[in-house]
Protein backbone atom coordinates (compact mmCIF):
# COMPACT_ATOMS: atom_id res chain seq x y z
CA UNK A 1 9.34 141.49 -2.48
CA UNK A 2 9.19 143.51 -5.73
CA UNK A 3 11.12 142.76 -8.90
CA UNK A 4 14.24 144.84 -9.45
CA UNK A 5 15.69 145.94 -12.79
CA UNK A 6 18.33 143.57 -14.14
CA UNK A 7 21.85 144.90 -14.33
CA UNK A 8 23.17 142.79 -17.18
CA UNK A 9 20.90 143.49 -20.16
CA UNK A 10 21.95 145.85 -22.91
CA UNK A 11 20.04 148.41 -24.96
CA UNK A 12 20.81 146.41 -28.10
CA UNK A 13 19.44 143.19 -26.61
CA UNK A 14 16.22 144.92 -25.55
CA UNK A 15 15.85 146.54 -28.99
CA UNK A 16 16.28 143.20 -30.75
CA UNK A 17 13.67 141.54 -28.52
CA UNK A 18 11.20 144.32 -29.28
CA UNK A 19 12.05 144.39 -32.99
CA UNK A 20 11.51 140.66 -33.37
CA UNK A 21 8.06 140.64 -31.73
CA UNK A 22 5.02 140.79 -34.01
CA UNK A 23 3.43 143.62 -31.98
CA UNK A 24 6.26 145.92 -33.01
CA UNK A 25 6.70 144.84 -36.64
CA UNK A 26 6.88 147.69 -39.08
CA UNK A 27 7.70 150.40 -36.55
CA UNK A 28 9.94 153.17 -37.75
CA UNK A 29 13.46 152.74 -36.35
CA UNK A 30 13.13 155.99 -34.37
CA UNK A 31 9.95 154.75 -32.67
CA UNK A 32 11.56 151.39 -31.89
CA UNK A 33 14.55 153.24 -30.46
CA UNK A 34 12.26 155.31 -28.20
CA UNK A 35 10.45 152.19 -26.96
CA UNK A 36 13.83 150.61 -26.26
CA UNK A 37 14.87 153.71 -24.32
CA UNK A 38 11.75 153.31 -22.16
CA UNK A 39 12.14 149.55 -21.66
CA UNK A 40 13.54 147.81 -18.60
CA UNK A 41 14.40 144.15 -18.18
CA UNK A 42 13.38 142.58 -14.90
CA UNK A 43 14.40 139.17 -13.65
CA UNK A 44 12.19 137.57 -11.05
CA UNK A 45 12.99 134.82 -8.61
CA UNK A 46 10.51 131.94 -8.36
CA UNK A 47 7.47 133.14 -6.42
CA UNK A 48 8.44 136.81 -6.67
CA UNK A 49 5.61 139.34 -7.18
CA UNK A 50 5.63 141.51 -10.28
CA UNK A 51 2.47 143.49 -9.54
CA UNK A 52 -0.59 143.33 -7.30
CA UNK A 53 -4.26 143.65 -8.28
CA UNK A 54 -5.45 147.20 -7.75
CA UNK A 55 -2.14 148.88 -8.50
CA UNK A 56 -2.20 151.53 -11.19
CA UNK A 57 -1.21 150.02 -14.52
CA UNK A 58 1.83 151.89 -15.78
CA UNK A 59 3.70 149.21 -17.74
CA UNK A 60 3.44 146.53 -20.39
CA UNK A 61 5.07 143.23 -19.49
CA UNK A 62 6.43 140.55 -21.78
CA UNK A 63 7.95 137.22 -20.82
CA UNK A 64 11.24 136.40 -22.55
CA UNK A 65 11.94 133.10 -20.79
CA UNK A 66 10.12 131.14 -18.13
CA UNK A 67 6.50 131.71 -17.22
CA UNK A 68 4.33 133.93 -15.09
CA UNK A 69 1.47 132.67 -13.00
CA UNK A 70 -1.33 135.10 -12.20
CA UNK A 71 -3.21 134.41 -8.98
CA UNK A 72 -6.47 135.91 -7.80
CA UNK A 73 -8.66 135.30 -4.78
CA UNK A 74 -12.17 134.07 -5.62
CA UNK A 75 -15.32 135.32 -3.95
CA UNK A 76 -15.13 132.28 -1.67
CA UNK A 77 -11.59 133.19 -0.57
CA UNK A 78 -9.88 130.44 -2.57
CA UNK A 79 -6.69 131.38 -4.43
CA UNK A 80 -6.95 130.55 -8.15
CA UNK A 81 -3.91 130.45 -10.44
CA UNK A 82 -3.79 131.08 -14.22
CA UNK A 83 -2.50 129.03 -15.85
CA UNK A 84 -3.30 126.22 -13.46
CA UNK A 85 -0.29 124.97 -11.54
């Protein structure tokens, strides 16, 4: 099941999250506004898939709360999780 956009976040909340992150420090307000316009908040249920290896990368993800575990299948077929669970 794929993550769906959250319904409850606001443009102002997303802008403040971006503004307060060191990657976006010093951006002109108009650039920050444009990034905010392009941003989407997604809330995932435990175990829900955000993306799958091999899919075209078309987004940048940040974690506001909680954690994300990335799993890959090794050459031997064993599933490996990062960070370790």
